[in-house]
Amino acid sequence: MANVQNTPIPETAPDTGNPGKRKFMLLVLTLLVVMGCLGVWGWHHLYGRWNESTDDAYVNGNVVAITPLVTGTVISIGADDGDLVHEGQVLVNFDPNDAEVGLQSAQANLARTVRQVRGLYSNVDGMKAQVNAQKAEVQKAQENYNRRKSLAAGGAISQEELSHARDDLTSAQNALANAQQQLQTSSALVDDTVVSSHPDVQAAAAQLRQAYLTKARSTLIAPVTGYVAKRTVQLGQRVQPGTALMAVIPLDQLWIDANFKETQLRDMRIGQTVDIEADLYGSDVKFSGTIDSLGAGTGSAFALLPAQNATGNWIKIVQRVPVRIHINAEQLAEHPLRVGLSTLVKVDLRDQSGPVLAQQPPQKASFSTSIYDRQLTDADALISRLIHDNSSVASKTAQR
């Protein structure tokens, strides 16, 4: 048999590592964790708790609908999608012939009414002259009767002749009473009025004003300065009142509707500053703004089909409340936005001086236009001219 040699088993080498180095590494790791916790606490205490942000925020603005007030056939379109239009610029023209005929008819009606009312004043003057003449007839008949009564007492004339004189006096008095009654009737039609304030003239003027507005409304003009969008009208189209033809969007009157969670609204106040980033420009362009208002209800409360939480299958969902944010006008002019763009907003909560809800009602209209005031002004000028021209016909005839 071969000799089996026993091979010695090597012993495990003892750990000769440095315990101090391990403790140092653990200490460094502990310090890093503590510093990280302190950093997170400091960030939250100094910055995080004073800011709320959301990316559920979108640009919104006024979409001014262009709708007709009268029926008409489109004969021209003055602007297309994307075009800049100024306040008062013509957008759509209707066929004006029907409106022009109606206006001419209303003008003729007003002129005729003014002349008829002038006739009423002339009737009053004529009735006054007739009453004065009849008074003279009554006085003459009275004197004749008195004279014949004295003669009849002395037997100079017969009683029959005296009776005729009495009948003449009675007839003259009755004619005077009739003339006075007609004078009162004629005066009642014109008392405390002039031609321009007579009810008949005012009614005819109202008809002319309506006809003038109908003609003016056959031309649709831009209520505000902005950009055309959603044009649907076509040439030759017969449109009815209320039909949406196009829209004008003033891109200098935009705001942001940011939908914050209800848990983010505790320290939010009107007037707090907001930093805004639009996805259109990215982080390279920063907008500043302020909170204009906080919504009076959640988005789901005003939804077309609001949630029915009274049912048994109820799951609690964090609600969102719309917050309106005003954008700095100068920055908006330098970097234009569009309605519907996505944004990221960050609200600085440090200023707690503002109210949660508005405390005073608006002192003036938030949005308004004055372009339609001119229409009635022109109509009133036309009415005044027609009344003047038809009231002075008599003097012009006398001058000829």
Protein backbone atom coordinates (compact mmCIF):
# COMPACT_ATOMS: atom_id res chain seq x y z
CA MET A 1 0.00 0.00 0.00
CA ALA A 2 1.10 3.39 -0.78
CA ASN A 3 1.80 5.64 2.03
CA VAL A 4 -0.82 8.29 2.45
CA GLN A 5 0.64 11.55 3.52
CA ASN A 6 -1.52 13.81 5.66
CA THR A 7 -1.66 17.27 4.12
CA PRO A 8 -1.95 19.91 6.80
CA ILE A 9 -5.12 22.19 6.53
CA PRO A 10 -4.22 25.86 6.42
CA GLU A 11 -5.64 27.96 9.21
CA THR A 12 -7.92 31.02 8.44
CA ALA A 13 -5.95 34.19 8.56
CA PRO A 14 -7.12 36.52 11.29
CA ASP A 15 -8.95 39.81 10.34
CA THR A 16 -6.34 42.38 10.36
CA GLY A 17 -8.72 45.23 9.09
CA ASN A 18 -8.68 48.65 10.72
CA PRO A 19 -11.68 49.02 13.09
CA GLY A 20 -11.15 52.77 13.23
CA LYS A 21 -11.70 53.15 9.49
CA ARG A 22 -15.00 51.30 9.70
CA LYS A 23 -16.20 53.53 12.50
CA PHE A 24 -15.13 56.57 10.53
CA MET A 25 -17.15 55.46 7.49
CA LEU A 26 -20.21 54.79 9.64
CA LEU A 27 -19.81 58.20 11.22
CA VAL A 28 -19.56 59.89 7.81
CA LEU A 29 -22.66 58.03 6.61
CA THR A 30 -24.53 59.06 9.74
CA LEU A 31 -23.49 62.67 9.25
CA LEU A 32 -24.62 62.56 5.63
CA VAL A 33 -28.02 61.19 6.64
CA VAL A 34 -28.38 63.81 9.36
CA MET A 35 -27.31 66.59 7.00
CA GLY A 36 -29.75 65.31 4.39
CA CYS A 37 -32.56 65.32 6.93
CA LEU A 38 -31.58 68.80 8.06
CA GLY A 39 -31.46 69.94 4.45
CA VAL A 40 -34.93 68.54 3.76
CA TRP A 41 -36.24 70.12 6.95
CA GLY A 42 -34.60 73.44 6.11
CA TRP A 43 -35.92 73.38 2.55
CA HIS A 44 -39.42 72.64 3.80
CA HIS A 45 -39.24 75.22 6.59
CA LEU A 46 -37.72 78.02 4.51
CA TYR A 47 -39.18 77.33 1.06
CA GLY A 48 -41.33 74.24 0.61
CA ARG A 49 -44.12 75.08 3.03
CA TRP A 50 -44.42 78.57 1.53
CA ASN A 51 -45.02 77.35 -2.01
CA GLU A 52 -47.72 75.40 -3.76
CA SER A 53 -47.51 74.33 -7.37
CA THR A 54 -49.54 72.50 -9.99
CA ASP A 55 -49.24 71.64 -13.64
CA ASP A 56 -53.03 71.33 -13.98
CA ALA A 57 -53.14 74.92 -15.20
CA TYR A 58 -54.20 76.27 -18.58
CA VAL A 59 -54.31 79.63 -20.32
CA ASN A 60 -57.81 81.03 -20.69
CA GLY A 61 -59.28 84.21 -22.12
CA ASN A 62 -62.31 85.92 -23.59
CA VAL A 63 -63.70 84.27 -26.69
CA VAL A 64 -65.90 87.05 -28.07
CA ALA A 65 -68.57 85.45 -30.25
CA ILE A 66 -69.64 87.28 -33.41
CA THR A 67 -73.36 86.60 -33.83
CA PRO A 68 -75.91 88.52 -35.91
CA LEU A 69 -78.97 90.24 -34.42
CA VAL A 70 -80.89 90.26 -37.71
CA THR A 71 -81.50 87.81 -40.52
CA GLY A 72 -79.35 88.34 -43.58
CA THR A 73 -77.48 86.90 -46.55
CA VAL A 74 -73.68 87.12 -46.32
CA ILE A 75 -72.13 89.09 -49.20
CA SER A 76 -68.62 89.67 -47.81
CA ILE A 77 -66.30 88.39 -45.08
CA GLY A 78 -63.66 90.81 -43.85
CA ALA A 79 -61.35 88.52 -41.86
CA ASP A 80 -60.29 84.88 -41.63
CA ASP A 81 -58.85 82.64 -38.91
CA GLY A 82 -55.67 84.06 -37.41
CA ASP A 83 -56.17 87.60 -38.75
CA LEU A 84 -55.70 90.57 -36.45
CA VAL A 85 -58.77 92.82 -36.33
CA HIS A 86 -59.17 96.14 -34.56
CA GLU A 87 -62.17 97.31 -32.58
CA GLY A 88 -64.83 98.58 -34.98
CA GLN A 89 -63.42 96.81 -38.04
CA VAL A 90 -65.98 95.27 -40.41
CA LEU A 91 -66.06 91.47 -40.19
CA VAL A 92 -69.19 90.41 -42.11
CA ASN A 93 -71.58 92.27 -44.43
CA PHE A 94 -75.17 91.25 -45.15
CA ASP A 95 -77.21 92.19 -48.21
CA PRO A 96 -78.38 95.73 -47.21
CA ASN A 97 -81.29 96.14 -49.65
CA ASP A 98 -84.10 94.96 -47.38
CA ALA A 99 -82.83 97.04 -44.48
CA GLU A 100 -82.43 100.09 -46.72
CA VAL A 101 -86.05 99.85 -47.92
CA GLY A 102 -87.26 99.54 -44.33
CA LEU A 103 -85.23 102.59 -43.32
CA GLN A 104 -86.63 104.69 -46.17
CA SER A 105 -90.16 103.69 -45.20
CA ALA A 106 -89.54 104.67 -41.58
CA GLN A 107 -88.10 108.04 -42.67
CA ALA A 108 -91.19 108.76 -44.78
CA ASN A 109 -93.45 107.75 -41.90
CA LEU A 110 -91.67 110.12 -39.50
CA ALA A 111 -91.85 113.01 -41.96
CA ARG A 112 -95.58 112.40 -42.53
CA THR A 113 -96.24 112.18 -38.79
CA VAL A 114 -94.41 115.46 -38.11
CA ARG A 115 -96.56 117.23 -40.70
CA GLN A 116 -99.74 115.72 -39.25
CA VAL A 117 -98.77 116.88 -35.77
CA ARG A 118 -98.06 120.34 -37.14
CA GLY A 119 -101.63 120.21 -38.49
CA LEU A 120 -102.89 119.53 -34.96
CA TYR A 121 -101.21 122.69 -33.67
CA SER A 122 -102.69 124.63 -36.61
CA ASN A 123 -106.15 123.25 -35.76
CA VAL A 124 -105.80 124.63 -32.24
CA ASP A 125 -104.96 128.08 -33.58
CA GLY A 126 -107.90 127.90 -36.00
CA MET A 127 -110.29 126.83 -33.24
CA LYS A 128 -109.11 129.69 -31.06
CA ALA A 129 -109.89 132.14 -33.86
CA GLN A 130 -113.29 130.50 -34.37
CA VAL A 131 -114.08 130.79 -30.65
CA ASN A 132 -113.14 134.47 -30.68
CA ALA A 133 -115.36 135.06 -33.73
CA GLN A 134 -118.22 133.20 -32.11
CA LYS A 135 -117.84 135.26 -28.95
CA ALA A 136 -118.25 138.35 -31.08
CA GLU A 137 -121.40 136.85 -32.60
CA VAL A 138 -122.80 136.13 -29.14
CA GLN A 139 -122.05 139.67 -28.00
CA LYS A 140 -123.71 141.07 -31.12
CA ALA A 141 -126.79 138.86 -30.62
CA GLN A 142 -126.94 139.82 -26.94
CA GLU A 143 -126.85 143.51 -27.75
CA ASN A 144 -129.50 143.06 -30.47
CA TYR A 145 -131.73 141.16 -28.04
CA ASN A 146 -131.31 143.75 -25.29
CA ARG A 147 -132.13 146.56 -27.67
CA ARG A 148 -135.24 144.81 -29.02
CA LYS A 149 -136.32 143.90 -25.51
CA SER A 150 -136.40 147.62 -24.60
CA LEU A 151 -138.32 148.44 -27.77
CA ALA A 152 -140.80 145.63 -27.13
CA ALA A 153 -141.42 146.95 -23.61
CA GLY A 154 -142.49 150.31 -25.12
CA GLY A 155 -144.59 148.58 -27.78
CA ALA A 156 -142.38 149.74 -30.64
CA ILE A 157 -141.88 146.16 -31.97
CA SER A 158 -143.92 143.01 -31.81
CA GLN A 159 -143.29 140.12 -29.46
CA GLU A 160 -142.62 137.92 -32.47
CA GLU A 161 -139.63 140.03 -33.48
CA LEU A 162 -138.35 139.89 -29.91
CA SER A 163 -138.70 136.10 -30.00
CA HIS A 164 -136.59 135.93 -33.17
CA ALA A 165 -133.88 138.01 -31.47
CA ARG A 166 -133.95 135.62 -28.48
CA ASP A 167 -133.58 132.65 -30.80
CA ASP A 168 -130.61 134.26 -32.53
CA LEU A 169 -128.93 134.81 -29.15
CA THR A 170 -129.54 131.20 -28.11
CA SER A 171 -128.17 129.88 -31.41
CA ALA A 172 -125.06 132.04 -31.10
CA GLN A 173 -124.46 130.83 -27.53
CA ASN A 174 -124.85 127.20 -28.59
CA ALA A 175 -122.41 127.71 -31.47
CA LEU A 176 -119.91 129.27 -29.03
CA ALA A 177 -120.24 126.33 -26.64
CA ASN A 178 -119.67 123.92 -29.54
CA ALA A 179 -116.58 125.83 -30.70
CA GLN A 180 -115.16 125.89 -27.17
CA GLN A 181 -115.70 122.13 -26.85
CA GLN A 182 -113.88 121.54 -30.14
CA LEU A 183 -111.05 123.81 -28.95
CA GLN A 184 -110.67 121.74 -25.76
CA THR A 185 -110.60 118.53 -27.80
CA SER A 186 -107.94 119.88 -30.15
CA SER A 187 -105.90 121.33 -27.25
CA ALA A 188 -105.93 117.97 -25.43
CA LEU A 189 -104.01 116.44 -28.36
CA VAL A 190 -101.14 118.92 -28.09
CA ASP A 191 -101.13 120.15 -24.48
CA ASP A 192 -97.66 120.48 -22.85
CA THR A 193 -95.86 119.23 -25.97
CA VAL A 194 -93.85 120.49 -28.88
CA VAL A 195 -93.58 118.75 -32.22
CA SER A 196 -90.53 116.70 -31.23
CA SER A 197 -92.06 115.52 -27.92
CA HIS A 198 -95.51 114.69 -29.28
CA PRO A 199 -96.39 111.01 -28.69
CA ASP A 200 -97.14 110.37 -32.37
CA VAL A 201 -93.77 111.80 -33.37
CA GLN A 202 -91.98 109.83 -30.67
CA ALA A 203 -93.63 106.60 -31.85
CA ALA A 204 -92.59 107.29 -35.44
CA ALA A 205 -89.07 108.17 -34.23
CA ALA A 206 -88.87 104.85 -32.37
CA GLN A 207 -89.82 103.01 -35.56
CA LEU A 208 -87.13 104.90 -37.46
CA ARG A 209 -84.59 104.13 -34.74
CA GLN A 210 -85.41 100.43 -35.01
CA ALA A 211 -85.14 100.52 -38.80
CA TYR A 212 -81.79 102.33 -38.52
CA LEU A 213 -80.49 99.71 -36.08
CA THR A 214 -81.65 96.93 -38.40
CA LYS A 215 -79.66 98.48 -41.24
CA ALA A 216 -76.62 99.11 -39.03
CA ARG A 217 -76.75 95.53 -37.75
CA SER A 218 -76.52 94.21 -41.29
CA THR A 219 -72.82 95.02 -40.90
CA LEU A 220 -71.09 93.01 -38.17
CA ILE A 221 -68.09 94.75 -36.62
CA ALA A 222 -65.42 93.61 -34.17
CA PRO A 223 -66.38 94.49 -30.57
CA VAL A 224 -62.74 94.28 -29.43
CA THR A 225 -59.24 94.18 -30.83
CA GLY A 226 -57.99 90.62 -31.17
CA TYR A 227 -57.43 87.63 -33.42
CA VAL A 228 -60.11 85.83 -35.41
CA ALA A 229 -60.82 82.17 -34.62
CA LYS A 230 -63.48 79.56 -35.34
CA ARG A 231 -64.76 81.13 -38.57
CA THR A 232 -67.69 79.08 -39.84
CA VAL A 233 -69.56 81.62 -41.99
CA GLN A 234 -69.48 81.29 -45.77
CA LEU A 235 -70.37 83.62 -48.64
CA GLY A 236 -74.01 83.44 -49.66
CA GLN A 237 -75.03 81.83 -46.39
CA ARG A 238 -78.44 82.83 -45.05
CA VAL A 239 -77.93 83.26 -41.32
CA GLN A 240 -80.41 83.68 -38.51
CA PRO A 241 -80.04 85.78 -35.36
CA GLY A 242 -77.81 84.08 -32.81
CA THR A 243 -75.84 81.98 -35.30
CA ALA A 244 -72.14 81.81 -34.32
CA LEU A 245 -70.18 83.09 -37.33
CA MET A 246 -66.70 83.51 -35.85
CA ALA A 247 -64.93 84.57 -32.67
CA VAL A 248 -62.47 87.30 -31.77
CA ILE A 249 -59.93 86.53 -29.03
CA PRO A 250 -58.09 89.46 -27.43
CA LEU A 251 -54.74 87.85 -26.59
CA ASP A 252 -53.81 90.80 -24.36
CA GLN A 253 -56.59 89.84 -21.92
CA LEU A 254 -55.52 86.33 -20.99
CA TRP A 255 -55.38 84.72 -17.57
CA ILE A 256 -54.59 81.27 -16.16
CA ASP A 257 -57.07 78.90 -14.56
CA ALA A 258 -55.01 76.71 -12.22
CA ASN A 259 -56.77 73.73 -10.63
CA PHE A 260 -55.24 73.21 -7.17
CA LYS A 261 -56.06 70.34 -4.87
CA GLU A 262 -58.27 71.27 -1.96
CA THR A 263 -55.40 70.37 0.39
CA GLN A 264 -53.26 73.11 -1.19
CA LEU A 265 -55.69 76.00 -0.57
CA ARG A 266 -55.33 76.47 3.19
CA ASP A 267 -52.81 79.32 3.00
CA MET A 268 -53.72 80.61 -0.46
CA ARG A 269 -54.90 84.24 -0.59
CA ILE A 270 -55.94 86.78 -3.23
CA GLY A 271 -53.00 88.96 -4.29
CA GLN A 272 -50.24 86.41 -3.69
CA THR A 273 -47.49 86.35 -6.31
CA VAL A 274 -47.22 83.48 -8.79
CA ASP A 275 -44.36 82.22 -10.97
CA ILE A 276 -45.53 80.81 -14.30
CA GLU A 277 -43.87 78.59 -16.88
CA ALA A 278 -45.59 77.87 -20.18
CA ASP A 279 -44.90 74.63 -22.03
CA LEU A 280 -44.76 76.71 -25.20
CA TYR A 281 -41.56 78.47 -24.09
CA GLY A 282 -40.26 76.06 -21.46
CA SER A 283 -38.20 77.13 -18.46
CA ASP A 284 -36.33 79.74 -20.51
CA VAL A 285 -39.25 82.20 -20.23
CA LYS A 286 -40.71 83.06 -16.84
CA PHE A 287 -44.00 84.86 -16.33
CA SER A 288 -45.08 86.54 -13.14
CA GLY A 289 -48.63 86.98 -11.95
CA THR A 290 -50.96 87.38 -9.00
CA ILE A 291 -53.99 85.49 -7.75
CA ASP A 292 -57.17 87.24 -8.85
CA SER A 293 -59.73 84.95 -7.27
CA LEU A 294 -60.30 81.54 -5.78
CA GLY A 295 -63.19 79.54 -7.16
CA ALA A 296 -66.50 79.40 -5.32
CA GLY A 297 -66.75 75.65 -5.86
CA THR A 298 -64.86 72.61 -7.07
CA GLY A 299 -64.70 71.63 -10.69
CA SER A 300 -66.86 68.55 -10.15
CA ALA A 301 -69.58 70.65 -8.48
CA PHE A 302 -70.09 72.60 -11.72
CA ALA A 303 -69.62 69.65 -14.06
CA LEU A 304 -72.31 68.83 -16.58
CA LEU A 305 -72.82 65.50 -14.79
CA PRO A 306 -71.84 66.09 -11.14
CA ALA A 307 -70.81 63.15 -9.01
CA GLN A 308 -73.56 61.44 -6.99
CA ASN A 309 -71.78 60.78 -3.71
CA ALA A 310 -74.96 59.63 -1.99
CA THR A 311 -74.73 56.25 -3.67
CA GLY A 312 -73.28 53.22 -1.94
CA ASN A 313 -70.32 52.88 -4.31
CA TRP A 314 -68.50 55.95 -3.04
CA ILE A 315 -64.76 56.53 -3.29
CA LYS A 316 -63.24 59.68 -1.84
CA ILE A 317 -61.34 61.67 -4.45
CA VAL A 318 -59.32 64.78 -3.73
CA GLN A 319 -61.22 67.66 -5.31
CA ARG A 320 -59.68 70.49 -7.28
CA VAL A 321 -60.68 74.16 -7.08
CA PRO A 322 -60.03 76.61 -9.95
CA VAL A 323 -57.81 79.57 -9.08
CA ARG A 324 -57.66 82.47 -11.50
CA ILE A 325 -54.22 84.02 -11.98
CA HIS A 326 -53.56 87.37 -13.63
CA ILE A 327 -50.54 87.46 -15.96
CA ASN A 328 -48.16 90.40 -16.13
CA ALA A 329 -49.28 92.42 -19.17
CA GLU A 330 -45.77 93.48 -20.25
CA GLN A 331 -44.46 89.92 -20.18
CA LEU A 332 -47.56 88.73 -22.03
CA ALA A 333 -46.97 91.31 -24.76
CA GLU A 334 -43.33 90.24 -25.09
CA HIS A 335 -44.12 86.52 -25.15
CA PRO A 336 -47.68 85.99 -26.44
CA LEU A 337 -49.67 83.02 -25.23
CA ARG A 338 -52.69 81.23 -26.70
CA VAL A 339 -55.92 80.09 -25.17
CA GLY A 340 -55.68 76.50 -23.91
CA LEU A 341 -51.88 76.27 -23.49
CA SER A 342 -50.51 74.21 -20.60
CA THR A 343 -48.56 75.93 -17.82
CA LEU A 344 -46.83 75.20 -14.53
CA VAL A 345 -47.64 77.65 -11.71
CA LYS A 346 -45.98 78.13 -8.33
CA VAL A 347 -47.69 80.28 -5.71
CA ASP A 348 -45.69 82.09 -3.03
CA LEU A 349 -47.70 81.74 0.22
CA ARG A 350 -45.64 84.05 2.41
CA ASP A 351 -47.98 87.05 2.02
CA GLN A 352 -51.07 86.18 4.07
CA SER A 353 -52.56 89.70 4.10
CA GLY A 354 -55.05 89.15 1.29
CA PRO A 355 -58.58 87.75 1.71
CA VAL A 356 -59.62 84.24 0.79
CA LEU A 357 -62.69 85.52 -1.08
CA ALA A 358 -63.43 88.89 -2.67
CA GLN A 359 -64.75 91.39 -0.12
CA GLN A 360 -66.14 94.07 -2.46
CA PRO A 361 -68.28 93.86 -5.61
CA PRO A 362 -66.75 95.14 -8.87
CA GLN A 363 -66.90 98.92 -9.19
CA LYS A 364 -67.03 98.83 -12.99
CA ALA A 365 -67.57 96.36 -15.79
CA SER A 366 -64.76 93.84 -16.10
CA PHE A 367 -65.03 93.85 -19.90
CA SER A 368 -66.96 96.31 -22.07
CA THR A 369 -67.14 97.83 -25.54
CA SER A 370 -68.55 101.14 -26.76
CA ILE A 371 -68.64 100.52 -30.50
CA TYR A 372 -72.43 100.12 -30.56
CA ASP A 373 -73.10 103.49 -28.91
CA ARG A 374 -72.38 105.25 -32.17
CA GLN A 375 -75.28 103.53 -33.92
CA LEU A 376 -77.96 105.16 -31.76
CA THR A 377 -76.13 108.48 -31.86
CA ASP A 378 -76.30 108.52 -35.65
CA ALA A 379 -79.97 107.45 -35.55
CA ASP A 380 -80.85 110.32 -33.17
CA ALA A 381 -79.06 112.79 -35.44
CA LEU A 382 -81.10 111.57 -38.42
CA ILE A 383 -84.35 111.86 -36.44
CA SER A 384 -83.54 115.40 -35.32
CA ARG A 385 -82.79 116.44 -38.89
CA LEU A 386 -86.03 114.99 -40.24
CA ILE A 387 -88.12 116.67 -37.52
CA HIS A 388 -86.41 120.00 -38.13
CA ASP A 389 -86.80 119.82 -41.90
CA ASN A 390 -90.49 118.94 -41.75
CA SER A 391 -91.26 121.38 -38.96
CA SER A 392 -89.91 124.35 -40.89
CA VAL A 393 -91.68 123.69 -44.20
CA ALA A 394 -94.13 126.51 -43.57
CA SER A 395 -91.40 129.08 -43.01
CA LYS A 396 -89.54 127.91 -46.12
CA THR A 397 -92.75 128.21 -48.17
CA ALA A 398 -93.33 131.72 -46.85
CA GLN A 399 -89.78 132.70 -47.81
CA ARG A 400 -90.40 131.58 -51.37
